[in-house]
Amino acid sequence: MPINVERLFADALIALNKEKPLHKITVTEIVQRAGAGRGTFYNHFRDKNDLIYWIFLHTLAGERKLVETQGYFPYLVKLHQEAIKIKSFLMQACKLAGQNSLSEAIYQQNYHYYKKCISRHYGEQNITDEVEFALKFNAYAASNMYIEWVSSGMETPPELQAKRLLRCMPKAIRDFLPLRPEEWET
């Protein structure tokens, strides 16, 4: 079975984070813990923040399939429940700023997901300025509320956080997400 190099580096970073704060961990320490070379690290990741984003995405990997099978609300709930499992790591990761920061990556993920949903209806070339504004507005709002939720210790229960996100979503976005009729009432 081939070695999953990304997972090797991710496990090294998570293990190091149990020993010291995330912001103090260097790429050199990550590659030493992983038993790999620095070049191998940079063949897979741009920097430590890119690895942090990979961990974020792969911890939550597979949750998107819930959208098609159970709906958008269960997806949001599960996304928040899974985040709680890596609470300490995410709380530290959300504090890191700069190039390739987790907060910017989460915004980009939200923006592109919403745009994909809307483009299925409009076609990418025909998205109106109003819908593009709503798309960016909601991607920033949802990303920042997620970061705030993580940074404040994830005190709000996942179900309530998901309900709030759906309630505050602009109609121009909600109309094109794969929401089930009962989810409009959350």
C-alpha atoms as a PDB file:
ATOM      1  CA  MET A   1       0.000   0.000   0.000  1.00  0.00           C
ATOM      2  CA  PRO A   2       1.463   3.388  -0.973  1.00  0.00           C
ATOM      3  CA  ILE A   3       2.362   5.867   1.728  1.00  0.00           C
ATOM      4  CA  ASN A   4       0.040   8.861   2.012  1.00  0.00           C
ATOM      5  CA  VAL A   5       2.701  11.556   2.309  1.00  0.00           C
ATOM      6  CA  GLU A   6       0.187  14.294   3.079  1.00  0.00           C
ATOM      7  CA  ARG A   7      -1.227  12.253   5.974  1.00  0.00           C
ATOM      8  CA  LEU A   8       2.334  11.580   7.206  1.00  0.00           C
ATOM      9  CA  PHE A   9       3.005  15.336   7.462  1.00  0.00           C
ATOM     10  CA  ALA A  10      -0.447  15.982   8.945  1.00  0.00           C
ATOM     11  CA  ASP A  11       0.083  13.382  11.662  1.00  0.00           C
ATOM     12  CA  ALA A  12       3.503  14.880  12.416  1.00  0.00           C
ATOM     13  CA  LEU A  13       2.034  18.378  12.794  1.00  0.00           C
ATOM     14  CA  ILE A  14      -0.822  17.152  15.004  1.00  0.00           C
ATOM     15  CA  ALA A  15       1.634  15.211  17.214  1.00  0.00           C
ATOM     16  CA  LEU A  16       3.919  18.251  17.512  1.00  0.00           C
ATOM     17  CA  ASN A  17       0.912  20.417  18.371  1.00  0.00           C
ATOM     18  CA  LYS A  18       0.314  18.251  21.424  1.00  0.00           C
ATOM     19  CA  GLU A  19       3.789  19.248  22.598  1.00  0.00           C
ATOM     20  CA  LYS A  20       3.866  22.934  21.708  1.00  0.00           C
ATOM     21  CA  PRO A  21       1.716  25.755  20.307  1.00  0.00           C
ATOM     22  CA  LEU A  22       0.984  25.607  16.586  1.00  0.00           C
ATOM     23  CA  HIS A  23       2.520  29.006  15.860  1.00  0.00           C
ATOM     24  CA  LYS A  24       5.881  27.832  17.235  1.00  0.00           C
ATOM     25  CA  ILE A  25       6.105  24.706  15.080  1.00  0.00           C
ATOM     26  CA  THR A  26       8.418  24.997  12.075  1.00  0.00           C
ATOM     27  CA  VAL A  27       8.484  23.134   8.774  1.00  0.00           C
ATOM     28  CA  THR A  28      11.878  21.736   9.819  1.00  0.00           C
ATOM     29  CA  GLU A  29      10.285  20.173  12.902  1.00  0.00           C
ATOM     30  CA  ILE A  30       7.407  18.774  10.843  1.00  0.00           C
ATOM     31  CA  VAL A  31       9.690  17.079   8.309  1.00  0.00           C
ATOM     32  CA  GLN A  32      11.949  15.720  11.068  1.00  0.00           C
ATOM     33  CA  ARG A  33       8.956  14.245  12.926  1.00  0.00           C
ATOM     34  CA  ALA A  34       7.587  12.793   9.669  1.00  0.00           C
ATOM     35  CA  GLY A  35      10.964  11.312   8.778  1.00  0.00           C
ATOM     36  CA  ALA A  36      10.844  12.908   5.351  1.00  0.00           C
ATOM     37  CA  GLY A  37      12.792  15.528   3.465  1.00  0.00           C
ATOM     38  CA  ARG A  38      12.067  19.232   3.223  1.00  0.00           C
ATOM     39  CA  GLY A  39      11.769  18.941  -0.571  1.00  0.00           C
ATOM     40  CA  THR A  40       9.107  16.271  -0.162  1.00  0.00           C
ATOM     41  CA  PHE A  41       7.158  18.613   2.094  1.00  0.00           C
ATOM     42  CA  TYR A  42       7.300  21.419  -0.478  1.00  0.00           C
ATOM     43  CA  ASN A  43       6.289  19.033  -3.274  1.00  0.00           C
ATOM     44  CA  HIS A  44       2.968  18.644  -1.433  1.00  0.00           C
ATOM     45  CA  PHE A  45       2.444  21.907   0.472  1.00  0.00           C
ATOM     46  CA  ARG A  46       3.311  25.562  -0.063  1.00  0.00           C
ATOM     47  CA  ASP A  47       3.946  26.137   3.644  1.00  0.00           C
ATOM     48  CA  LYS A  48       2.749  25.163   7.117  1.00  0.00           C
ATOM     49  CA  ASN A  49      -0.549  27.019   6.615  1.00  0.00           C
ATOM     50  CA  ASP A  50      -1.226  24.977   3.484  1.00  0.00           C
ATOM     51  CA  LEU A  51      -0.743  21.804   5.549  1.00  0.00           C
ATOM     52  CA  ILE A  52      -3.103  23.192   8.208  1.00  0.00           C
ATOM     53  CA  TYR A  53      -5.738  23.762   5.526  1.00  0.00           C
ATOM     54  CA  TRP A  54      -5.206  20.229   4.206  1.00  0.00           C
ATOM     55  CA  ILE A  55      -5.819  18.904   7.732  1.00  0.00           C
ATOM     56  CA  PHE A  56      -8.960  21.033   8.002  1.00  0.00           C
ATOM     57  CA  LEU A  57     -10.297  19.765   4.660  1.00  0.00           C
ATOM     58  CA  HIS A  58      -9.432  16.131   5.263  1.00  0.00           C
ATOM     59  CA  THR A  59     -10.788  16.060   8.792  1.00  0.00           C
ATOM     60  CA  LEU A  60     -14.062  17.162   7.271  1.00  0.00           C
ATOM     61  CA  ALA A  61     -13.619  15.154   4.066  1.00  0.00           C
ATOM     62  CA  GLY A  62     -16.636  13.255   2.942  1.00  0.00           C
ATOM     63  CA  GLU A  63     -19.017  15.529   4.778  1.00  0.00           C
ATOM     64  CA  ARG A  64     -20.017  17.207   1.491  1.00  0.00           C
ATOM     65  CA  LYS A  65     -21.687  13.958   0.382  1.00  0.00           C
ATOM     66  CA  LEU A  66     -24.187  14.574   3.191  1.00  0.00           C
ATOM     67  CA  VAL A  67     -25.512  17.516   1.173  1.00  0.00           C
ATOM     68  CA  GLU A  68     -26.786  15.165  -1.543  1.00  0.00           C
ATOM     69  CA  THR A  69     -27.942  12.361   0.753  1.00  0.00           C
ATOM     70  CA  GLN A  70     -29.373  14.228   3.749  1.00  0.00           C
ATOM     71  CA  GLY A  71     -29.419  17.933   2.901  1.00  0.00           C
ATOM     72  CA  TYR A  72     -27.460  21.109   3.576  1.00  0.00           C
ATOM     73  CA  PHE A  73     -28.491  21.534   7.228  1.00  0.00           C
ATOM     74  CA  PRO A  74     -27.212  18.060   8.302  1.00  0.00           C
ATOM     75  CA  TYR A  75     -23.990  18.851   6.423  1.00  0.00           C
ATOM     76  CA  LEU A  76     -23.510  22.092   8.385  1.00  0.00           C
ATOM     77  CA  VAL A  77     -24.233  20.321  11.686  1.00  0.00           C
ATOM     78  CA  LYS A  78     -21.762  17.517  10.908  1.00  0.00           C
ATOM     79  CA  LEU A  79     -19.125  20.056   9.794  1.00  0.00           C
ATOM     80  CA  HIS A  80     -19.333  21.721  13.205  1.00  0.00           C
ATOM     81  CA  GLN A  81     -19.449  18.420  15.113  1.00  0.00           C
ATOM     82  CA  GLU A  82     -16.288  17.212  13.372  1.00  0.00           C
ATOM     83  CA  ALA A  83     -14.544  20.511  14.134  1.00  0.00           C
ATOM     84  CA  ILE A  84     -15.146  19.965  17.844  1.00  0.00           C
ATOM     85  CA  LYS A  85     -13.063  16.779  17.605  1.00  0.00           C
ATOM     86  CA  ILE A  86     -10.000  18.857  16.678  1.00  0.00           C
ATOM     87  CA  LYS A  87     -10.988  21.889  18.742  1.00  0.00           C
ATOM     88  CA  SER A  88      -7.588  22.810  20.189  1.00  0.00           C
ATOM     89  CA  PHE A  89      -5.861  22.463  16.824  1.00  0.00           C
ATOM     90  CA  LEU A  90      -8.478  24.588  15.014  1.00  0.00           C
ATOM     91  CA  MET A  91      -8.521  27.248  17.732  1.00  0.00           C
ATOM     92  CA  GLN A  92      -4.785  27.707  17.274  1.00  0.00           C
ATOM     93  CA  ALA A  93      -4.967  27.493  13.472  1.00  0.00           C
ATOM     94  CA  CYS A  94      -7.600  30.236  13.303  1.00  0.00           C
ATOM     95  CA  LYS A  95      -5.242  32.616  15.100  1.00  0.00           C
ATOM     96  CA  LEU A  96      -2.534  32.260  12.467  1.00  0.00           C
ATOM     97  CA  ALA A  97      -2.534  35.095   9.963  1.00  0.00           C
ATOM     98  CA  GLY A  98      -0.708  35.804   6.762  1.00  0.00           C
ATOM     99  CA  GLN A  99      -0.281  34.119   3.440  1.00  0.00           C
ATOM    100  CA  ASN A 100      -2.358  30.947   3.019  1.00  0.00           C
ATOM    101  CA  SER A 101      -4.063  31.440   6.383  1.00  0.00           C
ATOM    102  CA  LEU A 102      -6.878  29.096   7.317  1.00  0.00           C
ATOM    103  CA  SER A 103      -9.399  31.939   7.449  1.00  0.00           C
ATOM    104  CA  GLU A 104      -8.647  32.949   3.845  1.00  0.00           C
ATOM    105  CA  ALA A 105      -8.760  29.328   2.715  1.00  0.00           C
ATOM    106  CA  ILE A 106     -12.153  28.816   4.382  1.00  0.00           C
ATOM    107  CA  TYR A 107     -13.464  31.928   2.623  1.00  0.00           C
ATOM    108  CA  GLN A 108     -12.218  30.622  -0.748  1.00  0.00           C
ATOM    109  CA  GLN A 109     -13.807  27.227  -0.101  1.00  0.00           C
ATOM    110  CA  ASN A 110     -17.172  28.825   0.758  1.00  0.00           C
ATOM    111  CA  TYR A 111     -17.049  31.227  -2.171  1.00  0.00           C
ATOM    112  CA  HIS A 112     -16.274  28.526  -4.733  1.00  0.00           C
ATOM    113  CA  TYR A 113     -18.870  26.123  -3.337  1.00  0.00           C
ATOM    114  CA  TYR A 114     -21.644  28.746  -3.423  1.00  0.00           C
ATOM    115  CA  LYS A 115     -20.548  29.884  -6.877  1.00  0.00           C
ATOM    116  CA  LYS A 116     -20.664  26.298  -8.161  1.00  0.00           C
ATOM    117  CA  CYS A 117     -24.221  25.883  -6.848  1.00  0.00           C
ATOM    118  CA  ILE A 118     -25.355  29.168  -8.417  1.00  0.00           C
ATOM    119  CA  SER A 119     -23.528  28.506 -11.700  1.00  0.00           C
ATOM    120  CA  ARG A 120     -25.557  25.319 -12.170  1.00  0.00           C
ATOM    121  CA  HIS A 121     -28.581  27.569 -12.554  1.00  0.00           C
ATOM    122  CA  TYR A 122     -27.247  30.721 -14.189  1.00  0.00           C
ATOM    123  CA  GLY A 123     -24.144  29.484 -15.924  1.00  0.00           C
ATOM    124  CA  GLU A 124     -20.909  31.064 -14.747  1.00  0.00           C
ATOM    125  CA  GLN A 125     -20.975  33.838 -17.379  1.00  0.00           C
ATOM    126  CA  ASN A 126     -24.496  34.960 -16.455  1.00  0.00           C
ATOM    127  CA  ILE A 127     -24.212  35.577 -12.714  1.00  0.00           C
ATOM    128  CA  THR A 128     -25.630  39.041 -12.076  1.00  0.00           C
ATOM    129  CA  ASP A 129     -23.764  41.703 -10.094  1.00  0.00           C
ATOM    130  CA  GLU A 130     -26.374  41.412  -7.340  1.00  0.00           C
ATOM    131  CA  VAL A 131     -25.905  37.651  -7.038  1.00  0.00           C
ATOM    132  CA  GLU A 132     -22.086  38.023  -7.159  1.00  0.00           C
ATOM    133  CA  PHE A 133     -22.313  40.577  -4.338  1.00  0.00           C
ATOM    134  CA  ALA A 134     -24.516  38.218  -2.292  1.00  0.00           C
ATOM    135  CA  LEU A 135     -22.094  35.391  -3.036  1.00  0.00           C
ATOM    136  CA  LYS A 136     -19.066  37.301  -1.738  1.00  0.00           C
ATOM    137  CA  PHE A 137     -21.018  38.770   1.172  1.00  0.00           C
ATOM    138  CA  ASN A 138     -22.211  35.381   2.358  1.00  0.00           C
ATOM    139  CA  ALA A 139     -18.856  33.685   1.820  1.00  0.00           C
ATOM    140  CA  TYR A 140     -17.178  36.331   3.998  1.00  0.00           C
ATOM    141  CA  ALA A 141     -19.947  36.264   6.591  1.00  0.00           C
ATOM    142  CA  ALA A 142     -20.115  32.469   6.846  1.00  0.00           C
ATOM    143  CA  SER A 143     -16.312  32.161   6.970  1.00  0.00           C
ATOM    144  CA  ASN A 144     -15.927  34.827   9.612  1.00  0.00           C
ATOM    145  CA  MET A 145     -18.751  33.418  11.731  1.00  0.00           C
ATOM    146  CA  TYR A 146     -17.121  29.980  11.563  1.00  0.00           C
ATOM    147  CA  ILE A 147     -13.754  31.471  12.592  1.00  0.00           C
ATOM    148  CA  GLU A 148     -15.464  33.370  15.425  1.00  0.00           C
ATOM    149  CA  TRP A 149     -17.256  30.199  16.556  1.00  0.00           C
ATOM    150  CA  VAL A 150     -13.955  28.296  16.612  1.00  0.00           C
ATOM    151  CA  SER A 151     -11.997  31.142  18.234  1.00  0.00           C
ATOM    152  CA  SER A 152     -14.583  31.602  20.990  1.00  0.00           C
ATOM    153  CA  GLY A 153     -14.279  27.957  22.040  1.00  0.00           C
ATOM    154  CA  MET A 154     -17.108  26.395  20.006  1.00  0.00           C
ATOM    155  CA  GLU A 155     -19.591  27.090  22.810  1.00  0.00           C
ATOM    156  CA  THR A 156     -22.668  27.363  20.582  1.00  0.00           C
ATOM    157  CA  PRO A 157     -24.060  23.870  19.854  1.00  0.00           C
ATOM    158  CA  PRO A 158     -23.514  22.745  16.233  1.00  0.00           C
ATOM    159  CA  GLU A 159     -27.268  22.524  15.524  1.00  0.00           C
ATOM    160  CA  LEU A 160     -27.872  26.115  16.659  1.00  0.00           C
ATOM    161  CA  GLN A 161     -24.826  27.388  14.751  1.00  0.00           C
ATOM    162  CA  ALA A 162     -26.072  25.670  11.568  1.00  0.00           C
ATOM    163  CA  LYS A 163     -29.578  27.137  12.016  1.00  0.00           C
ATOM    164  CA  ARG A 164     -28.164  30.623  12.429  1.00  0.00           C
ATOM    165  CA  LEU A 165     -26.023  30.285   9.318  1.00  0.00           C
ATOM    166  CA  LEU A 166     -29.011  29.202   7.238  1.00  0.00           C
ATOM    167  CA  ARG A 167     -31.332  31.876   8.633  1.00  0.00           C
ATOM    168  CA  CYS A 168     -28.881  34.662   7.859  1.00  0.00           C
ATOM    169  CA  MET A 169     -28.047  33.455   4.363  1.00  0.00           C
ATOM    170  CA  PRO A 170     -29.212  35.865   1.623  1.00  0.00           C
ATOM    171  CA  LYS A 171     -32.101  34.584  -0.468  1.00  0.00           C
ATOM    172  CA  ALA A 172     -29.971  35.056  -3.597  1.00  0.00           C
ATOM    173  CA  ILE A 173     -27.753  32.252  -2.262  1.00  0.00           C
ATOM    174  CA  ARG A 174     -30.303  30.044  -0.483  1.00  0.00           C
ATOM    175  CA  ASP A 175     -32.378  29.710  -3.645  1.00  0.00           C
ATOM    176  CA  PHE A 176     -29.564  27.796  -5.328  1.00  0.00           C
ATOM    177  CA  LEU A 177     -28.198  25.606  -2.567  1.00  0.00           C
ATOM    178  CA  PRO A 178     -29.312  21.988  -2.414  1.00  0.00           C
ATOM    179  CA  LEU A 179     -31.716  22.637   0.463  1.00  0.00           C
ATOM    180  CA  ARG A 180     -34.609  20.320   1.180  1.00  0.00           C
ATOM    181  CA  PRO A 181     -38.000  21.963   1.824  1.00  0.00           C
ATOM    182  CA  GLU A 182     -37.901  21.182   5.559  1.00  0.00           C
ATOM    183  CA  GLU A 183     -34.518  22.923   5.827  1.00  0.00           C
ATOM    184  CA  TRP A 184     -36.109  26.259   4.987  1.00  0.00           C
ATOM    185  CA  GLU A 185     -37.852  26.045   8.354  1.00  0.00           C
ATOM    186  CA  THR A 186     -34.678  25.571  10.450  1.00  0.00           C
END
